[in-house]
Amino acid sequence: MTRLVVMRHAKSAYPPGVADHDRPLSARGVADARVAGEWLRAHLGPPDHVVVSTARRARGTWTVVAGPLGYIGAAGYEADSPGPLTVDPRIYEAPAGRLLEVVRELPDRVRTAVLVGHLPGVAQLVALLASSAEPAAAEAIARKYATLGTAVLRFEGPFHALDPGAAHLAQFVAPRAAEDP
């Protein structure tokens, strides 16, 4: 079974005069991203490959999420890293079709991948790929693809052969810290 984890970035700040692409995470976003990393560690373990948008808030999200996972080889240079990280400019403001192109380029060795991106593309990608869903996951994703919304899609075969409607939405969560920082 192959898994694609489609994660929306954590809550960002809106500093005056900062372009959208360069917005950092808010304090709440950092706290929630730590919880997301703990959730991933408990439920899926470290991924084989991660693909992240170039936007500062997406890169920051993965940096914080990676800590609890022990995902230290950001660019695949650390011997103990479970896999490499790709920072891909195509993810920022991408529609579902472009995100699917990025996913299909993942190496054949990958069995679990994480994509960190933005709305509406991440929600569109999940809708494009999932032809079925666990009832709780379907209900949760229908409410809102909130910041740090994390969809776990399962399918048979390699990423390069992933087609629309070929996946099952196994889980959808939006991890949150216990209290606002």
N, C-alpha and C. Protein backbone atom coordinates (compact mmCIF):
# COMPACT_ATOMS: atom_id res chain seq x y z
N MET A 1 0.85 -1.18 0.00
CA MET A 1 0.00 0.00 0.00
C MET A 1 0.90 1.25 0.00
N THR A 2 0.57 2.19 -0.85
CA THR A 2 1.30 3.46 -0.94
C THR A 2 0.45 4.54 -0.28
N ARG A 3 1.12 5.48 0.39
CA ARG A 3 0.38 6.55 1.09
C ARG A 3 0.89 7.92 0.66
N LEU A 4 -0.07 8.80 0.44
CA LEU A 4 0.22 10.21 0.18
C LEU A 4 -0.45 11.01 1.28
N VAL A 5 0.34 11.78 2.01
CA VAL A 5 -0.16 12.65 3.06
C VAL A 5 -0.18 14.07 2.49
N VAL A 6 -1.38 14.63 2.38
CA VAL A 6 -1.54 15.97 1.80
C VAL A 6 -1.85 16.92 2.94
N MET A 7 -0.88 17.79 3.25
CA MET A 7 -0.97 18.68 4.41
C MET A 7 -1.03 20.14 3.97
N ARG A 8 -1.99 20.85 4.53
CA ARG A 8 -2.02 22.31 4.36
C ARG A 8 -1.06 22.90 5.39
N HIS A 9 -0.40 23.98 5.02
CA HIS A 9 0.53 24.64 5.95
C HIS A 9 -0.17 25.07 7.23
N ALA A 10 0.62 25.32 8.26
CA ALA A 10 0.12 25.79 9.55
C ALA A 10 -0.30 27.26 9.45
N LYS A 11 -0.99 27.72 10.48
CA LYS A 11 -1.48 29.10 10.54
C LYS A 11 -0.31 30.09 10.41
N SER A 12 -0.49 31.06 9.56
CA SER A 12 0.57 32.03 9.33
C SER A 12 0.24 33.38 9.95
N ALA A 13 1.28 34.19 10.05
CA ALA A 13 1.14 35.57 10.52
C ALA A 13 0.95 36.47 9.30
N TYR A 14 0.51 37.68 9.55
CA TYR A 14 0.28 38.66 8.49
C TYR A 14 1.02 39.95 8.81
N PRO A 15 2.36 39.92 8.83
CA PRO A 15 3.10 41.14 9.14
C PRO A 15 2.88 42.20 8.05
N PRO A 16 2.76 43.46 8.44
CA PRO A 16 2.56 44.51 7.45
C PRO A 16 3.73 44.57 6.46
N GLY A 17 3.40 44.75 5.20
CA GLY A 17 4.41 44.92 4.17
C GLY A 17 5.10 43.65 3.72
N VAL A 18 4.67 42.49 4.22
CA VAL A 18 5.29 41.23 3.83
C VAL A 18 4.44 40.58 2.75
N ALA A 19 5.07 40.22 1.65
CA ALA A 19 4.36 39.57 0.55
C ALA A 19 3.81 38.22 1.00
N ASP A 20 2.73 37.78 0.35
CA ASP A 20 2.08 36.52 0.71
C ASP A 20 3.07 35.36 0.76
N HIS A 21 3.91 35.23 -0.22
CA HIS A 21 4.87 34.14 -0.31
C HIS A 21 5.83 34.12 0.88
N ASP A 22 6.08 35.27 1.48
CA ASP A 22 7.08 35.39 2.53
C ASP A 22 6.51 35.44 3.95
N ARG A 23 5.20 35.22 4.09
CA ARG A 23 4.60 35.27 5.43
C ARG A 23 5.10 34.11 6.30
N PRO A 24 5.51 34.40 7.54
CA PRO A 24 5.99 33.35 8.45
C PRO A 24 4.82 32.68 9.18
N LEU A 25 5.13 31.66 9.92
CA LEU A 25 4.12 31.04 10.78
C LEU A 25 3.82 31.95 11.95
N SER A 26 2.59 31.88 12.44
CA SER A 26 2.23 32.56 13.68
C SER A 26 2.68 31.68 14.84
N ALA A 27 2.64 32.21 16.05
CA ALA A 27 2.98 31.41 17.23
C ALA A 27 2.05 30.21 17.33
N ARG A 28 0.77 30.42 17.03
CA ARG A 28 -0.19 29.32 17.05
C ARG A 28 0.18 28.26 15.99
N GLY A 29 0.60 28.72 14.82
CA GLY A 29 0.99 27.80 13.77
C GLY A 29 2.16 26.92 14.17
N VAL A 30 3.14 27.51 14.85
CA VAL A 30 4.30 26.74 15.32
C VAL A 30 3.85 25.68 16.33
N ALA A 31 3.02 26.08 17.29
CA ALA A 31 2.54 25.13 18.31
C ALA A 31 1.74 24.00 17.67
N ASP A 32 0.86 24.34 16.74
CA ASP A 32 0.05 23.32 16.07
C ASP A 32 0.91 22.39 15.21
N ALA A 33 1.94 22.94 14.57
CA ALA A 33 2.81 22.11 13.72
C ALA A 33 3.55 21.07 14.55
N ARG A 34 3.92 21.41 15.78
CA ARG A 34 4.55 20.42 16.66
C ARG A 34 3.59 19.26 16.93
N VAL A 35 2.33 19.61 17.18
CA VAL A 35 1.31 18.58 17.43
C VAL A 35 1.11 17.73 16.17
N ALA A 36 1.14 18.36 15.02
CA ALA A 36 1.01 17.60 13.76
C ALA A 36 2.16 16.62 13.59
N GLY A 37 3.36 17.03 13.94
CA GLY A 37 4.51 16.13 13.87
C GLY A 37 4.35 14.94 14.81
N GLU A 38 3.82 15.20 15.99
CA GLU A 38 3.58 14.12 16.95
C GLU A 38 2.50 13.18 16.43
N TRP A 39 1.47 13.75 15.79
CA TRP A 39 0.41 12.91 15.22
C TRP A 39 0.97 12.02 14.11
N LEU A 40 1.77 12.60 13.23
CA LEU A 40 2.36 11.81 12.15
C LEU A 40 3.25 10.70 12.71
N ARG A 41 4.05 11.02 13.72
CA ARG A 41 4.93 10.02 14.33
C ARG A 41 4.10 8.86 14.90
N ALA A 42 3.01 9.18 15.59
CA ALA A 42 2.19 8.16 16.25
C ALA A 42 1.39 7.32 15.25
N HIS A 43 0.96 7.93 14.14
CA HIS A 43 0.05 7.23 13.22
C HIS A 43 0.68 6.71 11.94
N LEU A 44 1.75 7.33 11.47
CA LEU A 44 2.33 6.93 10.19
C LEU A 44 3.82 6.70 10.24
N GLY A 45 4.50 7.35 11.14
CA GLY A 45 5.96 7.28 11.17
C GLY A 45 6.57 8.21 10.15
N PRO A 46 7.89 8.23 10.07
CA PRO A 46 8.56 9.15 9.14
C PRO A 46 8.26 8.77 7.68
N PRO A 47 8.05 9.77 6.84
CA PRO A 47 7.83 9.49 5.42
C PRO A 47 9.13 9.16 4.70
N ASP A 48 8.99 8.64 3.50
CA ASP A 48 10.15 8.34 2.66
C ASP A 48 10.61 9.56 1.87
N HIS A 49 9.69 10.49 1.64
CA HIS A 49 10.00 11.68 0.85
C HIS A 49 8.99 12.77 1.21
N VAL A 50 9.45 14.01 1.18
CA VAL A 50 8.60 15.16 1.47
C VAL A 50 8.78 16.18 0.36
N VAL A 51 7.66 16.76 -0.09
CA VAL A 51 7.69 17.80 -1.10
C VAL A 51 6.95 19.01 -0.51
N VAL A 52 7.62 20.17 -0.49
CA VAL A 52 7.10 21.35 0.18
C VAL A 52 7.10 22.55 -0.76
N SER A 53 6.09 23.37 -0.63
CA SER A 53 6.03 24.64 -1.35
C SER A 53 7.20 25.53 -0.94
N THR A 54 7.58 26.44 -1.83
CA THR A 54 8.64 27.40 -1.52
C THR A 54 8.18 28.49 -0.56
N ALA A 55 6.89 28.63 -0.33
CA ALA A 55 6.39 29.68 0.57
C ALA A 55 6.97 29.48 1.97
N ARG A 56 7.32 30.58 2.60
CA ARG A 56 7.96 30.53 3.92
C ARG A 56 7.11 29.77 4.93
N ARG A 57 5.79 29.98 4.92
CA ARG A 57 4.93 29.33 5.90
C ARG A 57 4.86 27.81 5.68
N ALA A 58 4.98 27.36 4.44
CA ALA A 58 4.99 25.92 4.15
C ALA A 58 6.33 25.30 4.58
N ARG A 59 7.42 25.98 4.24
CA ARG A 59 8.74 25.47 4.66
C ARG A 59 8.85 25.45 6.18
N GLY A 60 8.33 26.49 6.82
CA GLY A 60 8.33 26.54 8.28
C GLY A 60 7.49 25.44 8.89
N THR A 61 6.36 25.16 8.26
CA THR A 61 5.50 24.08 8.75
C THR A 61 6.26 22.77 8.77
N TRP A 62 6.91 22.43 7.64
CA TRP A 62 7.61 21.15 7.61
C TRP A 62 8.79 21.14 8.57
N THR A 63 9.49 22.24 8.73
CA THR A 63 10.62 22.30 9.66
C THR A 63 10.16 21.93 11.07
N VAL A 64 9.01 22.46 11.49
CA VAL A 64 8.51 22.17 12.84
C VAL A 64 7.95 20.75 12.91
N VAL A 65 7.17 20.34 11.91
CA VAL A 65 6.58 18.99 11.89
C VAL A 65 7.68 17.93 11.91
N ALA A 66 8.78 18.17 11.21
CA ALA A 66 9.86 17.19 11.08
C ALA A 66 10.54 16.86 12.40
N GLY A 67 10.55 17.80 13.34
CA GLY A 67 11.24 17.58 14.62
C GLY A 67 10.77 16.34 15.35
N PRO A 68 9.48 16.23 15.69
CA PRO A 68 9.01 15.03 16.41
C PRO A 68 9.18 13.73 15.60
N LEU A 69 9.29 13.85 14.29
CA LEU A 69 9.47 12.67 13.44
C LEU A 69 10.92 12.20 13.37
N GLY A 70 11.85 13.06 13.81
CA GLY A 70 13.26 12.74 13.67
C GLY A 70 13.72 12.80 12.22
N TYR A 71 13.04 13.60 11.43
CA TYR A 71 13.34 13.72 10.00
C TYR A 71 14.42 14.77 9.84
N ILE A 72 15.67 14.37 10.03
CA ILE A 72 16.75 15.36 10.12
C ILE A 72 17.43 15.67 8.81
N GLY A 73 17.33 14.81 7.83
CA GLY A 73 18.06 15.01 6.58
C GLY A 73 17.29 15.85 5.60
N ALA A 74 17.17 17.13 5.87
CA ALA A 74 16.31 18.02 5.09
C ALA A 74 16.51 17.88 3.60
N ALA A 75 17.75 17.75 3.17
CA ALA A 75 17.99 17.60 1.73
C ALA A 75 18.52 16.21 1.40
N GLY A 76 18.33 15.28 2.31
CA GLY A 76 18.79 13.92 2.06
C GLY A 76 20.27 13.71 2.28
N TYR A 77 20.94 14.65 2.94
CA TYR A 77 22.39 14.55 3.13
C TYR A 77 22.78 13.85 4.42
N GLU A 78 21.88 13.71 5.35
CA GLU A 78 22.20 13.06 6.61
C GLU A 78 21.98 11.55 6.48
N ALA A 79 22.93 10.78 6.92
CA ALA A 79 22.84 9.33 6.79
C ALA A 79 21.66 8.75 7.55
N ASP A 80 21.26 9.38 8.65
CA ASP A 80 20.15 8.85 9.46
C ASP A 80 18.78 9.30 8.98
N SER A 81 18.72 10.14 7.97
CA SER A 81 17.44 10.64 7.50
C SER A 81 16.66 9.55 6.79
N PRO A 82 15.34 9.49 7.01
CA PRO A 82 14.54 8.51 6.31
C PRO A 82 14.35 8.84 4.83
N GLY A 83 14.65 10.04 4.42
CA GLY A 83 14.46 10.38 3.01
C GLY A 83 14.66 11.84 2.75
N PRO A 84 14.71 12.22 1.50
CA PRO A 84 14.98 13.60 1.15
C PRO A 84 13.77 14.51 1.19
N LEU A 85 14.06 15.77 1.12
CA LEU A 85 13.07 16.84 1.06
C LEU A 85 13.26 17.58 -0.25
N THR A 86 12.16 17.82 -0.94
CA THR A 86 12.19 18.63 -2.15
C THR A 86 11.37 19.88 -1.90
N VAL A 87 11.98 21.04 -2.09
CA VAL A 87 11.25 22.31 -2.03
C VAL A 87 10.95 22.67 -3.47
N ASP A 88 9.65 22.67 -3.82
CA ASP A 88 9.25 22.77 -5.21
C ASP A 88 8.41 24.03 -5.45
N PRO A 89 8.89 24.94 -6.30
CA PRO A 89 8.15 26.18 -6.55
C PRO A 89 6.82 25.95 -7.26
N ARG A 90 6.62 24.80 -7.86
CA ARG A 90 5.35 24.54 -8.55
C ARG A 90 4.18 24.37 -7.60
N ILE A 91 4.44 24.11 -6.33
CA ILE A 91 3.36 23.87 -5.37
C ILE A 91 2.65 25.15 -4.97
N TYR A 92 3.36 26.26 -4.90
CA TYR A 92 2.76 27.53 -4.48
C TYR A 92 1.71 27.95 -5.51
N GLU A 93 0.50 28.17 -5.03
CA GLU A 93 -0.65 28.58 -5.86
C GLU A 93 -0.99 27.57 -6.96
N ALA A 94 -0.68 26.31 -6.74
CA ALA A 94 -0.90 25.29 -7.77
C ALA A 94 -2.31 24.70 -7.69
N PRO A 95 -2.90 24.47 -8.86
CA PRO A 95 -4.16 23.72 -8.91
C PRO A 95 -3.88 22.23 -8.78
N ALA A 96 -4.92 21.43 -8.64
CA ALA A 96 -4.78 19.99 -8.41
C ALA A 96 -3.97 19.30 -9.50
N GLY A 97 -4.18 19.66 -10.75
CA GLY A 97 -3.47 19.00 -11.85
C GLY A 97 -1.96 19.16 -11.74
N ARG A 98 -1.52 20.35 -11.38
CA ARG A 98 -0.08 20.58 -11.23
C ARG A 98 0.46 19.82 -10.02
N LEU A 99 -0.30 19.79 -8.93
CA LEU A 99 0.14 19.04 -7.76
C LEU A 99 0.25 17.55 -8.08
N LEU A 100 -0.68 17.04 -8.88
CA LEU A 100 -0.60 15.64 -9.27
C LEU A 100 0.66 15.39 -10.10
N GLU A 101 1.04 16.31 -10.96
CA GLU A 101 2.29 16.18 -11.72
C GLU A 101 3.49 16.06 -10.78
N VAL A 102 3.52 16.90 -9.74
CA VAL A 102 4.61 16.88 -8.77
C VAL A 102 4.65 15.52 -8.07
N VAL A 103 3.49 15.05 -7.63
CA VAL A 103 3.41 13.77 -6.93
C VAL A 103 3.86 12.61 -7.83
N ARG A 104 3.48 12.65 -9.08
CA ARG A 104 3.86 11.56 -10.01
C ARG A 104 5.36 11.49 -10.26
N GLU A 105 6.09 12.54 -9.93
CA GLU A 105 7.55 12.55 -10.10
C GLU A 105 8.31 11.96 -8.92
N LEU A 106 7.60 11.57 -7.86
CA LEU A 106 8.27 10.98 -6.70
C LEU A 106 8.98 9.70 -7.11
N PRO A 107 10.14 9.41 -6.51
CA PRO A 107 10.89 8.21 -6.87
C PRO A 107 10.11 6.92 -6.58
N ASP A 108 10.39 5.89 -7.33
CA ASP A 108 9.70 4.61 -7.17
C ASP A 108 9.92 3.98 -5.80
N ARG A 109 11.02 4.30 -5.12
CA ARG A 109 11.31 3.73 -3.80
C ARG A 109 10.34 4.23 -2.73
N VAL A 110 9.63 5.33 -2.99
CA VAL A 110 8.79 5.99 -1.99
C VAL A 110 7.49 5.20 -1.77
N ARG A 111 7.20 4.91 -0.51
CA ARG A 111 5.93 4.27 -0.14
C ARG A 111 5.04 5.21 0.65
N THR A 112 5.64 6.17 1.37
CA THR A 112 4.88 7.20 2.08
C THR A 112 5.51 8.55 1.77
N ALA A 113 4.71 9.45 1.23
CA ALA A 113 5.19 10.80 0.90
C ALA A 113 4.27 11.82 1.55
N VAL A 114 4.86 12.97 1.87
CA VAL A 114 4.10 14.10 2.40
C VAL A 114 4.25 15.25 1.41
N LEU A 115 3.13 15.90 1.10
CA LEU A 115 3.12 17.12 0.31
C LEU A 115 2.58 18.24 1.19
N VAL A 116 3.33 19.33 1.36
CA VAL A 116 2.90 20.47 2.17
C VAL A 116 2.61 21.63 1.22
N GLY A 117 1.34 22.04 1.17
CA GLY A 117 0.95 23.08 0.23
C GLY A 117 -0.12 24.01 0.78
N HIS A 118 -0.95 24.47 -0.13
CA HIS A 118 -1.88 25.58 0.15
C HIS A 118 -3.28 25.27 -0.39
N LEU A 119 -4.25 26.00 0.16
CA LEU A 119 -5.59 25.99 -0.43
C LEU A 119 -5.60 26.89 -1.64
N PRO A 120 -6.41 26.65 -2.62
CA PRO A 120 -7.35 25.54 -2.70
C PRO A 120 -6.74 24.26 -3.27
N GLY A 121 -5.49 24.31 -3.71
CA GLY A 121 -4.88 23.18 -4.41
C GLY A 121 -4.87 21.88 -3.63
N VAL A 122 -4.52 21.92 -2.33
CA VAL A 122 -4.44 20.66 -1.58
C VAL A 122 -5.82 20.01 -1.46
N ALA A 123 -6.84 20.82 -1.22
CA ALA A 123 -8.20 20.26 -1.12
C ALA A 123 -8.65 19.71 -2.47
N GLN A 124 -8.32 20.41 -3.54
CA GLN A 124 -8.68 19.94 -4.88
C GLN A 124 -7.96 18.64 -5.21
N LEU A 125 -6.70 18.52 -4.81
CA LEU A 125 -5.95 17.30 -5.07
C LEU A 125 -6.58 16.10 -4.37
N VAL A 126 -6.94 16.27 -3.12
CA VAL A 126 -7.58 15.17 -2.38
C VAL A 126 -8.89 14.79 -3.05
N ALA A 127 -9.69 15.78 -3.42
CA ALA A 127 -10.97 15.51 -4.11
C ALA A 127 -10.74 14.79 -5.44
N LEU A 128 -9.70 15.18 -6.16
CA LEU A 128 -9.38 14.56 -7.44
C LEU A 128 -8.98 13.09 -7.29
N LEU A 129 -8.21 12.80 -6.25
CA LEU A 129 -7.64 11.46 -6.10
C LEU A 129 -8.55 10.47 -5.38
N ALA A 130 -9.33 10.93 -4.42
CA ALA A 130 -10.10 10.02 -3.57
C ALA A 130 -11.45 9.67 -4.19
N SER A 131 -11.63 8.39 -4.50
CA SER A 131 -12.92 7.92 -5.00
C SER A 131 -13.75 7.31 -3.87
N SER A 132 -13.10 7.08 -2.72
CA SER A 132 -13.78 6.54 -1.56
C SER A 132 -13.14 7.13 -0.31
N ALA A 133 -13.85 7.00 0.81
CA ALA A 133 -13.33 7.58 2.05
C ALA A 133 -13.93 6.87 3.25
N GLU A 134 -13.14 6.83 4.31
CA GLU A 134 -13.68 6.40 5.60
C GLU A 134 -14.72 7.44 6.02
N PRO A 135 -15.83 7.03 6.61
CA PRO A 135 -16.88 8.00 6.96
C PRO A 135 -16.40 9.16 7.83
N ALA A 136 -15.59 8.88 8.84
CA ALA A 136 -15.11 9.96 9.72
C ALA A 136 -14.22 10.92 8.95
N ALA A 137 -13.38 10.42 8.05
CA ALA A 137 -12.51 11.28 7.25
C ALA A 137 -13.33 12.13 6.30
N ALA A 138 -14.32 11.54 5.66
CA ALA A 138 -15.19 12.29 4.74
C ALA A 138 -15.93 13.41 5.46
N GLU A 139 -16.42 13.09 6.65
CA GLU A 139 -17.14 14.10 7.43
C GLU A 139 -16.22 15.24 7.86
N ALA A 140 -15.03 14.91 8.31
CA ALA A 140 -14.08 15.93 8.77
C ALA A 140 -13.62 16.83 7.63
N ILE A 141 -13.30 16.26 6.48
CA ILE A 141 -12.80 17.08 5.37
C ILE A 141 -13.92 17.93 4.77
N ALA A 142 -15.16 17.45 4.87
CA ALA A 142 -16.29 18.23 4.36
C ALA A 142 -16.54 19.48 5.19
N ARG A 143 -16.19 19.43 6.48
CA ARG A 143 -16.38 20.60 7.33
C ARG A 143 -15.46 21.74 6.91
N LYS A 144 -14.16 21.45 6.78
CA LYS A 144 -13.20 22.49 6.43
C LYS A 144 -11.81 21.88 6.30
N TYR A 145 -11.08 22.31 5.29
CA TYR A 145 -9.67 21.92 5.15
C TYR A 145 -8.88 23.02 5.85
N ALA A 146 -8.89 22.95 7.17
CA ALA A 146 -8.29 23.98 8.02
C ALA A 146 -6.77 23.98 7.90
N THR A 147 -6.14 24.99 8.46
CA THR A 147 -4.68 24.99 8.51
C THR A 147 -4.23 23.72 9.21
N LEU A 148 -3.17 23.13 8.71
CA LEU A 148 -2.63 21.85 9.12
C LEU A 148 -3.58 20.68 8.86
N GLY A 149 -4.61 20.92 8.05
CA GLY A 149 -5.46 19.82 7.61
C GLY A 149 -4.55 18.79 6.95
N THR A 150 -4.69 17.54 7.37
CA THR A 150 -3.81 16.47 6.92
C THR A 150 -4.65 15.30 6.43
N ALA A 151 -4.62 15.09 5.13
CA ALA A 151 -5.35 13.98 4.51
C ALA A 151 -4.37 12.84 4.24
N VAL A 152 -4.77 11.63 4.61
CA VAL A 152 -3.96 10.45 4.34
C VAL A 152 -4.69 9.63 3.28
N LEU A 153 -4.10 9.58 2.10
CA LEU A 153 -4.65 8.84 0.98
C LEU A 153 -3.87 7.54 0.81
N ARG A 154 -4.58 6.45 0.55
CA ARG A 154 -3.94 5.16 0.31
C ARG A 154 -4.32 4.67 -1.07
N PHE A 155 -3.36 4.02 -1.72
CA PHE A 155 -3.62 3.48 -3.05
C PHE A 155 -2.61 2.39 -3.35
N GLU A 156 -2.87 1.62 -4.38
CA GLU A 156 -1.98 0.55 -4.82
C GLU A 156 -1.07 1.09 -5.93
N GLY A 157 0.17 0.67 -5.92
CA GLY A 157 1.07 1.01 -7.01
C GLY A 157 1.97 2.19 -6.69
N PRO A 158 2.85 2.52 -7.65
CA PRO A 158 3.80 3.62 -7.46
C PRO A 158 3.16 4.98 -7.74
N PHE A 159 3.83 6.01 -7.27
CA PHE A 159 3.31 7.37 -7.46
C PHE A 159 3.21 7.75 -8.94
N HIS A 160 4.14 7.30 -9.77
CA HIS A 160 4.10 7.71 -11.17
C HIS A 160 2.86 7.21 -11.89
N ALA A 161 2.19 6.20 -11.33
CA ALA A 161 0.99 5.65 -11.95
C ALA A 161 -0.30 6.13 -11.27
N LEU A 162 -0.20 7.06 -10.33
CA LEU A 162 -1.38 7.52 -9.60
C LEU A 162 -2.32 8.30 -10.53
N ASP A 163 -3.55 7.85 -10.60
CA ASP A 163 -4.56 8.47 -11.46
C ASP A 163 -5.68 9.06 -10.62
N PRO A 164 -6.42 10.02 -11.17
CA PRO A 164 -7.61 10.54 -10.48
C PRO A 164 -8.56 9.40 -10.11
N GLY A 165 -9.08 9.47 -8.90
CA GLY A 165 -10.03 8.47 -8.43
C GLY A 165 -9.41 7.17 -7.98
N ALA A 166 -8.09 7.07 -7.93
CA ALA A 166 -7.42 5.81 -7.60
C ALA A 166 -7.13 5.64 -6.11
N ALA A 167 -7.43 6.64 -5.30
CA ALA A 167 -7.05 6.59 -3.88
C ALA A 167 -8.27 6.49 -2.97
N HIS A 168 -7.98 6.09 -1.75
CA HIS A 168 -8.97 6.01 -0.68
C HIS A 168 -8.55 6.99 0.42
N LEU A 169 -9.45 7.87 0.83
CA LEU A 169 -9.17 8.79 1.93
C LEU A 169 -9.32 8.03 3.23
N ALA A 170 -8.19 7.66 3.83
CA ALA A 170 -8.20 6.84 5.03
C ALA A 170 -8.38 7.67 6.30
N GLN A 171 -7.79 8.87 6.33
CA GLN A 171 -7.86 9.72 7.52
C GLN A 171 -7.83 11.18 7.10
N PHE A 172 -8.46 12.02 7.93
CA PHE A 172 -8.31 13.47 7.79
C PHE A 172 -8.36 14.06 9.18
N VAL A 173 -7.29 14.79 9.54
CA VAL A 173 -7.20 15.45 10.84
C VAL A 173 -6.65 16.85 10.65
N ALA A 174 -6.90 17.70 11.63
CA ALA A 174 -6.29 19.03 11.67
C ALA A 174 -5.75 19.21 13.09
N PRO A 175 -4.53 18.72 13.33
CA PRO A 175 -3.97 18.74 14.69
C PRO A 175 -3.89 20.15 15.28
N ARG A 176 -4.19 20.26 16.55
CA ARG A 176 -4.17 21.54 17.25
C ARG A 176 -3.48 21.38 18.60
N ALA A 177 -2.76 22.42 18.98
CA ALA A 177 -2.14 22.47 20.31
C ALA A 177 -3.26 22.65 21.34
N ALA A 178 -2.99 22.28 22.56
CA ALA A 178 -4.00 22.32 23.62
C ALA A 178 -4.49 23.73 23.92
N GLU A 179 -3.60 24.71 23.82
CA GLU A 179 -4.01 26.09 24.11
C GLU A 179 -3.21 27.05 23.25
N ASP A 180 -3.76 28.23 23.05
CA ASP A 180 -3.08 29.23 22.25
C ASP A 180 -1.80 29.68 22.93
N PRO A 181 -0.70 29.77 22.16
CA PRO A 181 0.55 30.29 22.74
C PRO A 181 0.44 31.77 23.01
